[in-house]
Amino acid sequence: MKPTKLIDVVAGISTHDDNLTIYATKPWTCNSNTILAQEPAEGGRPAEAELCGAEYLIEVFIAKEFLEDWLAQEGRPISTQEQCERLIHYAIYDA
């Protein structure tokens, strides 16, 4: 899989397989190069994440649940940029 920007992954989060994990290059920003991949059974990073220097960020199903819950609580339109920034914060401090 070719790396994409984290903001693009967040924009299409509802279309991604719940069994995948989000790996992104640090420092994590909305423009971080990102890979969606299955976590290896033996642990660690998948080869495609290692090749682009991406680190574990969060599982897709957790990202979906977090964003759905947060958006429902906010009750206002929220930009993809703000969603991405909030997901990064959640992954670092709360997940």
PDB file of N, CA and C in Angstrom:
ATOM      1  N   MET A   1       0.844  -1.186   0.000  1.00  0.00           N
ATOM      2  CA  MET A   1       0.000   0.000   0.000  1.00  0.00           C
ATOM      3  C   MET A   1       0.884   1.242   0.000  1.00  0.00           C
ATOM      4  N   LYS A   2       0.526   2.205  -0.794  1.00  0.00           N
ATOM      5  CA  LYS A   2       1.258   3.469  -0.870  1.00  0.00           C
ATOM      6  C   LYS A   2       0.851   4.363   0.303  1.00  0.00           C
ATOM      7  N   PRO A   3       1.842   5.011   0.965  1.00  0.00           N
ATOM      8  CA  PRO A   3       1.482   5.908   2.071  1.00  0.00           C
ATOM      9  C   PRO A   3       0.562   7.038   1.609  1.00  0.00           C
ATOM     10  N   THR A   4      -0.318   7.444   2.496  1.00  0.00           N
ATOM     11  CA  THR A   4      -1.207   8.566   2.261  1.00  0.00           C
ATOM     12  C   THR A   4      -1.101   9.484   3.466  1.00  0.00           C
ATOM     13  N   LYS A   5      -1.708  10.624   3.422  1.00  0.00           N
ATOM     14  CA  LYS A   5      -1.683  11.560   4.549  1.00  0.00           C
ATOM     15  C   LYS A   5      -2.710  11.125   5.603  1.00  0.00           C
ATOM     16  N   LEU A   6      -2.391  11.358   6.852  1.00  0.00           N
ATOM     17  CA  LEU A   6      -3.295  10.981   7.936  1.00  0.00           C
ATOM     18  C   LEU A   6      -4.646  11.662   7.787  1.00  0.00           C
ATOM     19  N   ILE A   7      -4.659  12.905   7.365  1.00  0.00           N
ATOM     20  CA  ILE A   7      -5.931  13.615   7.205  1.00  0.00           C
ATOM     21  C   ILE A   7      -6.822  12.917   6.182  1.00  0.00           C
ATOM     22  N   ASP A   8      -6.225  12.311   5.154  1.00  0.00           N
ATOM     23  CA  ASP A   8      -7.014  11.591   4.156  1.00  0.00           C
ATOM     24  C   ASP A   8      -7.586  10.298   4.737  1.00  0.00           C
ATOM     25  N   VAL A   9      -6.819   9.648   5.609  1.00  0.00           N
ATOM     26  CA  VAL A   9      -7.320   8.446   6.280  1.00  0.00           C
ATOM     27  C   VAL A   9      -8.507   8.814   7.164  1.00  0.00           C
ATOM     28  N   VAL A  10      -8.372   9.901   7.917  1.00  0.00           N
ATOM     29  CA  VAL A  10      -9.459  10.346   8.800  1.00  0.00           C
ATOM     30  C   VAL A  10     -10.694  10.716   7.975  1.00  0.00           C
ATOM     31  N   ALA A  11     -10.488  11.391   6.867  1.00  0.00           N
ATOM     32  CA  ALA A  11     -11.624  11.791   6.020  1.00  0.00           C
ATOM     33  C   ALA A  11     -12.416  10.581   5.527  1.00  0.00           C
ATOM     34  N   GLY A  12     -11.742   9.472   5.303  1.00  0.00           N
ATOM     35  CA  GLY A  12     -12.418   8.279   4.806  1.00  0.00           C
ATOM     36  C   GLY A  12     -12.502   7.159   5.823  1.00  0.00           C
ATOM     37  N   ILE A  13     -12.403   7.491   7.112  1.00  0.00           N
ATOM     38  CA  ILE A  13     -12.314   6.473   8.160  1.00  0.00           C
ATOM     39  C   ILE A  13     -13.459   5.469   8.107  1.00  0.00           C
ATOM     40  N   SER A  14     -14.645   5.900   7.769  1.00  0.00           N
ATOM     41  CA  SER A  14     -15.794   4.980   7.767  1.00  0.00           C
ATOM     42  C   SER A  14     -15.675   3.905   6.689  1.00  0.00           C
ATOM     43  N   THR A  15     -14.828   4.094   5.706  1.00  0.00           N
ATOM     44  CA  THR A  15     -14.686   3.129   4.620  1.00  0.00           C
ATOM     45  C   THR A  15     -13.581   2.105   4.872  1.00  0.00           C
ATOM     46  N   HIS A  16     -12.792   2.297   5.926  1.00  0.00           N
ATOM     47  CA  HIS A  16     -11.652   1.422   6.177  1.00  0.00           C
ATOM     48  C   HIS A  16     -12.051   0.213   7.015  1.00  0.00           C
ATOM     49  N   ASP A  17     -11.393  -0.888   6.736  1.00  0.00           N
ATOM     50  CA  ASP A  17     -11.625  -2.166   7.420  1.00  0.00           C
ATOM     51  C   ASP A  17     -11.281  -2.035   8.909  1.00  0.00           C
ATOM     52  N   ASP A  18     -12.205  -2.454   9.753  1.00  0.00           N
ATOM     53  CA  ASP A  18     -12.011  -2.394  11.206  1.00  0.00           C
ATOM     54  C   ASP A  18     -10.820  -3.217  11.685  1.00  0.00           C
ATOM     55  N   ASN A  19     -10.372  -4.177  10.906  1.00  0.00           N
ATOM     56  CA  ASN A  19      -9.270  -5.050  11.309  1.00  0.00           C
ATOM     57  C   ASN A  19      -7.896  -4.452  11.029  1.00  0.00           C
ATOM     58  N   LEU A  20      -7.860  -3.271  10.433  1.00  0.00           N
ATOM     59  CA  LEU A  20      -6.580  -2.639  10.113  1.00  0.00           C
ATOM     60  C   LEU A  20      -6.136  -1.724  11.247  1.00  0.00           C
ATOM     61  N   THR A  21      -4.865  -1.389  11.212  1.00  0.00           N
ATOM     62  CA  THR A  21      -4.264  -0.479  12.183  1.00  0.00           C
ATOM     63  C   THR A  21      -3.659   0.686  11.422  1.00  0.00           C
ATOM     64  N   ILE A  22      -3.694   1.860  12.031  1.00  0.00           N
ATOM     65  CA  ILE A  22      -3.128   3.065  11.429  1.00  0.00           C
ATOM     66  C   ILE A  22      -1.703   3.242  11.955  1.00  0.00           C
ATOM     67  N   TYR A  23      -0.765   3.316  11.041  1.00  0.00           N
ATOM     68  CA  TYR A  23       0.637   3.593  11.342  1.00  0.00           C
ATOM     69  C   TYR A  23       0.979   4.911  10.659  1.00  0.00           C
ATOM     70  N   ALA A  24       1.631   5.829  11.381  1.00  0.00           N
ATOM     71  CA  ALA A  24       1.939   7.141  10.811  1.00  0.00           C
ATOM     72  C   ALA A  24       3.343   7.574  11.236  1.00  0.00           C
ATOM     73  N   THR A  25       3.959   8.418  10.398  1.00  0.00           N
ATOM     74  CA  THR A  25       5.289   8.922  10.719  1.00  0.00           C
ATOM     75  C   THR A  25       5.200  10.006  11.778  1.00  0.00           C
ATOM     76  N   LYS A  26       6.189  10.016  12.651  1.00  0.00           N
ATOM     77  CA  LYS A  26       6.265  11.021  13.715  1.00  0.00           C
ATOM     78  C   LYS A  26       7.105  12.196  13.248  1.00  0.00           C
ATOM     79  N   PRO A  27       6.871  13.381  13.780  1.00  0.00           N
ATOM     80  CA  PRO A  27       5.828  13.699  14.748  1.00  0.00           C
ATOM     81  C   PRO A  27       4.463  13.617  14.072  1.00  0.00           C
ATOM     82  N   TRP A  28       3.489  13.089  14.800  1.00  0.00           N
ATOM     83  CA  TRP A  28       2.163  12.903  14.232  1.00  0.00           C
ATOM     84  C   TRP A  28       1.489  14.236  13.995  1.00  0.00           C
ATOM     85  N   THR A  29       1.157  14.468  12.747  1.00  0.00           N
ATOM     86  CA  THR A  29       0.398  15.639  12.330  1.00  0.00           C
ATOM     87  C   THR A  29      -0.614  15.165  11.299  1.00  0.00           C
ATOM     88  N   CYS A  30      -1.476  16.043  10.884  1.00  0.00           N
ATOM     89  CA  CYS A  30      -2.458  15.680   9.858  1.00  0.00           C
ATOM     90  C   CYS A  30      -1.787  15.364   8.523  1.00  0.00           C
ATOM     91  N   ASN A  31      -0.554  15.829   8.340  1.00  0.00           N
ATOM     92  CA  ASN A  31       0.175  15.572   7.097  1.00  0.00           C
ATOM     93  C   ASN A  31       1.154  14.414   7.196  1.00  0.00           C
ATOM     94  N   SER A  32       1.143  13.679   8.317  1.00  0.00           N
ATOM     95  CA  SER A  32       2.034  12.525   8.462  1.00  0.00           C
ATOM     96  C   SER A  32       1.737  11.485   7.392  1.00  0.00           C
ATOM     97  N   ASN A  33       2.801  10.881   6.854  1.00  0.00           N
ATOM     98  CA  ASN A  33       2.623   9.755   5.946  1.00  0.00           C
ATOM     99  C   ASN A  33       2.048   8.601   6.741  1.00  0.00           C
ATOM    100  N   THR A  34       1.026   7.961   6.192  1.00  0.00           N
ATOM    101  CA  THR A  34       0.247   6.966   6.924  1.00  0.00           C
ATOM    102  C   THR A  34       0.046   5.710   6.100  1.00  0.00           C
ATOM    103  N   ILE A  35       0.120   4.586   6.787  1.00  0.00           N
ATOM    104  CA  ILE A  35      -0.126   3.271   6.195  1.00  0.00           C
ATOM    105  C   ILE A  35      -1.231   2.605   7.001  1.00  0.00           C
ATOM    106  N   LEU A  36      -2.158   1.980   6.328  1.00  0.00           N
ATOM    107  CA  LEU A  36      -3.159   1.121   6.972  1.00  0.00           C
ATOM    108  C   LEU A  36      -2.726  -0.314   6.705  1.00  0.00           C
ATOM    109  N   ALA A  37      -2.573  -1.089   7.774  1.00  0.00           N
ATOM    110  CA  ALA A  37      -2.106  -2.464   7.605  1.00  0.00           C
ATOM    111  C   ALA A  37      -2.577  -3.316   8.767  1.00  0.00           C
ATOM    112  N   GLN A  38      -2.524  -4.621   8.568  1.00  0.00           N
ATOM    113  CA  GLN A  38      -2.827  -5.560   9.643  1.00  0.00           C
ATOM    114  C   GLN A  38      -1.623  -5.621  10.575  1.00  0.00           C
ATOM    115  N   GLU A  39      -1.897  -5.664  11.878  1.00  0.00           N
ATOM    116  CA  GLU A  39      -0.806  -5.854  12.832  1.00  0.00           C
ATOM    117  C   GLU A  39      -0.275  -7.271  12.658  1.00  0.00           C
ATOM    118  N   PRO A  40       1.052  -7.427  12.621  1.00  0.00           N
ATOM    119  CA  PRO A  40       1.604  -8.779  12.507  1.00  0.00           C
ATOM    120  C   PRO A  40       1.239  -9.628  13.729  1.00  0.00           C
ATOM    121  N   ALA A  41       0.970 -10.894  13.518  1.00  0.00           N
ATOM    122  CA  ALA A  41       0.608 -11.797  14.608  1.00  0.00           C
ATOM    123  C   ALA A  41       1.708 -11.872  15.661  1.00  0.00           C
ATOM    124  N   GLU A  42       2.950 -11.714  15.224  1.00  0.00           N
ATOM    125  CA  GLU A  42       4.072 -11.800  16.150  1.00  0.00           C
ATOM    126  C   GLU A  42       4.393 -10.463  16.816  1.00  0.00           C
ATOM    127  N   GLY A  43       3.607  -9.448  16.520  1.00  0.00           N
ATOM    128  CA  GLY A  43       3.818  -8.120  17.095  1.00  0.00           C
ATOM    129  C   GLY A  43       4.730  -7.269  16.234  1.00  0.00           C
ATOM    130  N   GLY A  44       4.998  -6.077  16.697  1.00  0.00           N
ATOM    131  CA  GLY A  44       5.839  -5.166  15.926  1.00  0.00           C
ATOM    132  C   GLY A  44       5.073  -4.485  14.811  1.00  0.00           C
ATOM    133  N   ARG A  45       5.838  -3.887  13.907  1.00  0.00           N
ATOM    134  CA  ARG A  45       5.238  -3.182  12.781  1.00  0.00           C
ATOM    135  C   ARG A  45       5.246  -4.054  11.540  1.00  0.00           C
ATOM    136  N   PRO A  46       4.247  -3.895  10.684  1.00  0.00           N
ATOM    137  CA  PRO A  46       4.289  -4.598   9.405  1.00  0.00           C
ATOM    138  C   PRO A  46       5.399  -4.015   8.532  1.00  0.00           C
ATOM    139  N   ALA A  47       5.869  -4.789   7.598  1.00  0.00           N
ATOM    140  CA  ALA A  47       6.998  -4.383   6.753  1.00  0.00           C
ATOM    141  C   ALA A  47       6.752  -3.056   6.051  1.00  0.00           C
ATOM    142  N   GLU A  48       5.537  -2.835   5.542  1.00  0.00           N
ATOM    143  CA  GLU A  48       5.253  -1.604   4.812  1.00  0.00           C
ATOM    144  C   GLU A  48       5.329  -0.375   5.719  1.00  0.00           C
ATOM    145  N   ALA A  49       4.991  -0.528   6.994  1.00  0.00           N
ATOM    146  CA  ALA A  49       5.110   0.582   7.945  1.00  0.00           C
ATOM    147  C   ALA A  49       6.583   0.839   8.254  1.00  0.00           C
ATOM    148  N   GLU A  50       7.360  -0.220   8.425  1.00  0.00           N
ATOM    149  CA  GLU A  50       8.792  -0.064   8.676  1.00  0.00           C
ATOM    150  C   GLU A  50       9.478   0.629   7.515  1.00  0.00           C
ATOM    151  N   LEU A  51       9.113   0.268   6.297  1.00  0.00           N
ATOM    152  CA  LEU A  51       9.745   0.854   5.109  1.00  0.00           C
ATOM    153  C   LEU A  51       9.584   2.366   5.044  1.00  0.00           C
ATOM    154  N   CYS A  52       8.456   2.885   5.484  1.00  0.00           N
ATOM    155  CA  CYS A  52       8.247   4.338   5.415  1.00  0.00           C
ATOM    156  C   CYS A  52       8.472   5.012   6.768  1.00  0.00           C
ATOM    157  N   GLY A  53       8.930   4.253   7.771  1.00  0.00           N
ATOM    158  CA  GLY A  53       9.226   4.833   9.079  1.00  0.00           C
ATOM    159  C   GLY A  53       8.005   5.172   9.910  1.00  0.00           C
ATOM    160  N   ALA A  54       6.875   4.521   9.621  1.00  0.00           N
ATOM    161  CA  ALA A  54       5.630   4.806  10.339  1.00  0.00           C
ATOM    162  C   ALA A  54       5.554   3.998  11.625  1.00  0.00           C
ATOM    163  N   GLU A  55       5.011   4.624  12.663  1.00  0.00           N
ATOM    164  CA  GLU A  55       4.843   4.010  13.973  1.00  0.00           C
ATOM    165  C   GLU A  55       3.355   3.766  14.230  1.00  0.00           C
ATOM    166  N   TYR A  56       3.083   2.817  15.129  1.00  0.00           N
ATOM    167  CA  TYR A  56       1.707   2.530  15.528  1.00  0.00           C
ATOM    168  C   TYR A  56       1.048   3.810  16.044  1.00  0.00           C
ATOM    169  N   LEU A  57      -0.168   4.091  15.555  1.00  0.00           N
ATOM    170  CA  LEU A  57      -0.949   5.224  16.055  1.00  0.00           C
ATOM    171  C   LEU A  57      -2.193   4.727  16.788  1.00  0.00           C
ATOM    172  N   ILE A  58      -3.044   3.978  16.072  1.00  0.00           N
ATOM    173  CA  ILE A  58      -4.305   3.516  16.675  1.00  0.00           C
ATOM    174  C   ILE A  58      -4.955   2.516  15.718  1.00  0.00           C
ATOM    175  N   GLU A  59      -5.773   1.628  16.267  1.00  0.00           N
ATOM    176  CA  GLU A  59      -6.526   0.707  15.427  1.00  0.00           C
ATOM    177  C   GLU A  59      -7.685   1.445  14.767  1.00  0.00           C
ATOM    178  N   VAL A  60      -8.037   1.034  13.569  1.00  0.00           N
ATOM    179  CA  VAL A  60      -9.116   1.687  12.821  1.00  0.00           C
ATOM    180  C   VAL A  60     -10.427   1.630  13.600  1.00  0.00           C
ATOM    181  N   PHE A  61     -10.768   0.480  14.174  1.00  0.00           N
ATOM    182  CA  PHE A  61     -12.063   0.378  14.868  1.00  0.00           C
ATOM    183  C   PHE A  61     -12.125   1.314  16.074  1.00  0.00           C
ATOM    184  N   ILE A  62     -11.006   1.519  16.749  1.00  0.00           N
ATOM    185  CA  ILE A  62     -10.986   2.443  17.883  1.00  0.00           C
ATOM    186  C   ILE A  62     -11.118   3.880  17.385  1.00  0.00           C
ATOM    187  N   ALA A  63     -10.432   4.202  16.304  1.00  0.00           N
ATOM    188  CA  ALA A  63     -10.530   5.546  15.726  1.00  0.00           C
ATOM    189  C   ALA A  63     -11.965   5.842  15.312  1.00  0.00           C
ATOM    190  N   LYS A  64     -12.616   4.878  14.687  1.00  0.00           N
ATOM    191  CA  LYS A  64     -14.011   5.054  14.275  1.00  0.00           C
ATOM    192  C   LYS A  64     -14.906   5.319  15.478  1.00  0.00           C
ATOM    193  N   GLU A  65     -14.788   4.465  16.494  1.00  0.00           N
ATOM    194  CA  GLU A  65     -15.624   4.615  17.691  1.00  0.00           C
ATOM    195  C   GLU A  65     -15.395   5.969  18.356  1.00  0.00           C
ATOM    196  N   PHE A  66     -14.127   6.345  18.495  1.00  0.00           N
ATOM    197  CA  PHE A  66     -13.815   7.616  19.139  1.00  0.00           C
ATOM    198  C   PHE A  66     -14.418   8.783  18.359  1.00  0.00           C
ATOM    199  N   LEU A  67     -14.177   8.819  17.048  1.00  0.00           N
ATOM    200  CA  LEU A  67     -14.678   9.938  16.247  1.00  0.00           C
ATOM    201  C   LEU A  67     -16.201   9.981  16.216  1.00  0.00           C
ATOM    202  N   GLU A  68     -16.847   8.833  16.093  1.00  0.00           N
ATOM    203  CA  GLU A  68     -18.316   8.808  16.091  1.00  0.00           C
ATOM    204  C   GLU A  68     -18.872   9.356  17.397  1.00  0.00           C
ATOM    205  N   ASP A  69     -18.319   8.895  18.523  1.00  0.00           N
ATOM    206  CA  ASP A  69     -18.784   9.354  19.836  1.00  0.00           C
ATOM    207  C   ASP A  69     -18.527  10.843  20.028  1.00  0.00           C
ATOM    208  N   TRP A  70     -17.340  11.285  19.666  1.00  0.00           N
ATOM    209  CA  TRP A  70     -16.969  12.688  19.842  1.00  0.00           C
ATOM    210  C   TRP A  70     -17.831  13.601  18.976  1.00  0.00           C
ATOM    211  N   LEU A  71     -18.036  13.216  17.706  1.00  0.00           N
ATOM    212  CA  LEU A  71     -18.856  14.029  16.807  1.00  0.00           C
ATOM    213  C   LEU A  71     -20.294  14.111  17.306  1.00  0.00           C
ATOM    214  N   ALA A  72     -20.821  13.012  17.842  1.00  0.00           N
ATOM    215  CA  ALA A  72     -22.188  13.007  18.363  1.00  0.00           C
ATOM    216  C   ALA A  72     -22.317  13.933  19.572  1.00  0.00           C
ATOM    217  N   GLN A  73     -21.305  13.981  20.413  1.00  0.00           N
ATOM    218  CA  GLN A  73     -21.336  14.835  21.598  1.00  0.00           C
ATOM    219  C   GLN A  73     -21.192  16.309  21.248  1.00  0.00           C
ATOM    220  N   GLU A  74     -20.408  16.600  20.245  1.00  0.00           N
ATOM    221  CA  GLU A  74     -20.150  17.995  19.881  1.00  0.00           C
ATOM    222  C   GLU A  74     -21.395  18.680  19.331  1.00  0.00           C
ATOM    223  N   GLY A  75     -22.169  17.975  18.533  1.00  0.00           N
ATOM    224  CA  GLY A  75     -23.401  18.540  18.005  1.00  0.00           C
ATOM    225  C   GLY A  75     -23.211  19.743  17.100  1.00  0.00           C
ATOM    226  N   ARG A  76     -22.066  19.814  16.449  1.00  0.00           N
ATOM    227  CA  ARG A  76     -21.779  20.904  15.515  1.00  0.00           C
ATOM    228  C   ARG A  76     -20.923  20.350  14.383  1.00  0.00           C
ATOM    229  N   PRO A  77     -20.912  21.016  13.254  1.00  0.00           N
ATOM    230  CA  PRO A  77     -20.041  20.568  12.172  1.00  0.00           C
ATOM    231  C   PRO A  77     -18.568  20.707  12.589  1.00  0.00           C
ATOM    232  N   ILE A  78     -17.787  19.684  12.319  1.00  0.00           N
ATOM    233  CA  ILE A  78     -16.371  19.688  12.691  1.00  0.00           C
ATOM    234  C   ILE A  78     -15.552  19.348  11.446  1.00  0.00           C
ATOM    235  N   SER A  79     -14.574  20.171  11.154  1.00  0.00           N
ATOM    236  CA  SER A  79     -13.744  19.975   9.965  1.00  0.00           C
ATOM    237  C   SER A  79     -12.913  18.698  10.083  1.00  0.00           C
ATOM    238  N   THR A  80     -12.505  18.177   8.956  1.00  0.00           N
ATOM    239  CA  THR A  80     -11.647  17.005   8.940  1.00  0.00           C
ATOM    240  C   THR A  80     -10.325  17.317   9.635  1.00  0.00           C
ATOM    241  N   GLN A  81      -9.829  18.516   9.471  1.00  0.00           N
ATOM    242  CA  GLN A  81      -8.592  18.941  10.135  1.00  0.00           C
ATOM    243  C   GLN A  81      -8.741  18.826  11.657  1.00  0.00           C
ATOM    244  N   GLU A  82      -9.840  19.344  12.191  1.00  0.00           N
ATOM    245  CA  GLU A  82     -10.072  19.290  13.635  1.00  0.00           C
ATOM    246  C   GLU A  82     -10.255  17.841  14.105  1.00  0.00           C
ATOM    247  N   GLN A  83     -10.945  17.027  13.310  1.00  0.00           N
ATOM    248  CA  GLN A  83     -11.113  15.612  13.657  1.00  0.00           C
ATOM    249  C   GLN A  83      -9.755  14.914  13.720  1.00  0.00           C
ATOM    250  N   CYS A  84      -8.918  15.208  12.751  1.00  0.00           N
ATOM    251  CA  CYS A  84      -7.593  14.602  12.687  1.00  0.00           C
ATOM    252  C   CYS A  84      -6.754  15.006  13.899  1.00  0.00           C
ATOM    253  N   GLU A  85      -6.755  16.287  14.205  1.00  0.00           N
ATOM    254  CA  GLU A  85      -5.986  16.780  15.355  1.00  0.00           C
ATOM    255  C   GLU A  85      -6.489  16.169  16.657  1.00  0.00           C
ATOM    256  N   ARG A  86      -7.794  16.037  16.797  1.00  0.00           N
ATOM    257  CA  ARG A  86      -8.368  15.463  18.027  1.00  0.00           C
ATOM    258  C   ARG A  86      -8.052  13.978  18.132  1.00  0.00           C
ATOM    259  N   LEU A  87      -8.044  13.267  16.988  1.00  0.00           N
ATOM    260  CA  LEU A  87      -7.699  11.849  16.996  1.00  0.00           C
ATOM    261  C   LEU A  87      -6.242  11.661  17.399  1.00  0.00           C
ATOM    262  N   ILE A  88      -5.353  12.492  16.917  1.00  0.00           N
ATOM    263  CA  ILE A  88      -3.950  12.418  17.311  1.00  0.00           C
ATOM    264  C   ILE A  88      -3.823  12.620  18.817  1.00  0.00           C
ATOM    265  N   HIS A  89      -4.493  13.629  19.334  1.00  0.00           N
ATOM    266  CA  HIS A  89      -4.458  13.903  20.774  1.00  0.00           C
ATOM    267  C   HIS A  89      -4.976  12.684  21.550  1.00  0.00           C
ATOM    268  N   TYR A  90      -6.083  12.128  21.102  1.00  0.00           N
ATOM    269  CA  TYR A  90      -6.651  10.958  21.759  1.00  0.00           C
ATOM    270  C   TYR A  90      -5.666   9.797  21.740  1.00  0.00           C
ATOM    271  N   ALA A  91      -5.050   9.533  20.586  1.00  0.00           N
ATOM    272  CA  ALA A  91      -4.117   8.419  20.459  1.00  0.00           C
ATOM    273  C   ALA A  91      -2.911   8.576  21.378  1.00  0.00           C
ATOM    274  N   ILE A  92      -2.449   9.792  21.544  1.00  0.00           N
ATOM    275  CA  ILE A  92      -1.272  10.043  22.380  1.00  0.00           C
ATOM    276  C   ILE A  92      -1.616   9.977  23.860  1.00  0.00           C
ATOM    277  N   TYR A  93      -2.702  10.612  24.272  1.00  0.00           N
ATOM    278  CA  TYR A  93      -2.975  10.808  25.685  1.00  0.00           C
ATOM    279  C   TYR A  93      -4.059   9.949  26.301  1.00  0.00           C
ATOM    280  N   ASP A  94      -4.974   9.415  25.486  1.00  0.00           N
ATOM    281  CA  ASP A  94      -6.138   8.764  26.070  1.00  0.00           C
ATOM    282  C   ASP A  94      -6.363   7.317  25.653  1.00  0.00           C
ATOM    283  N   ALA A  95      -5.795   6.909  24.555  1.00  0.00           N
ATOM    284  CA  ALA A  95      -6.086   5.554  24.050  1.00  0.00           C
ATOM    285  C   ALA A  95      -5.350   4.488  24.842  1.00  0.00           C
TER     286      ALA A  95
END
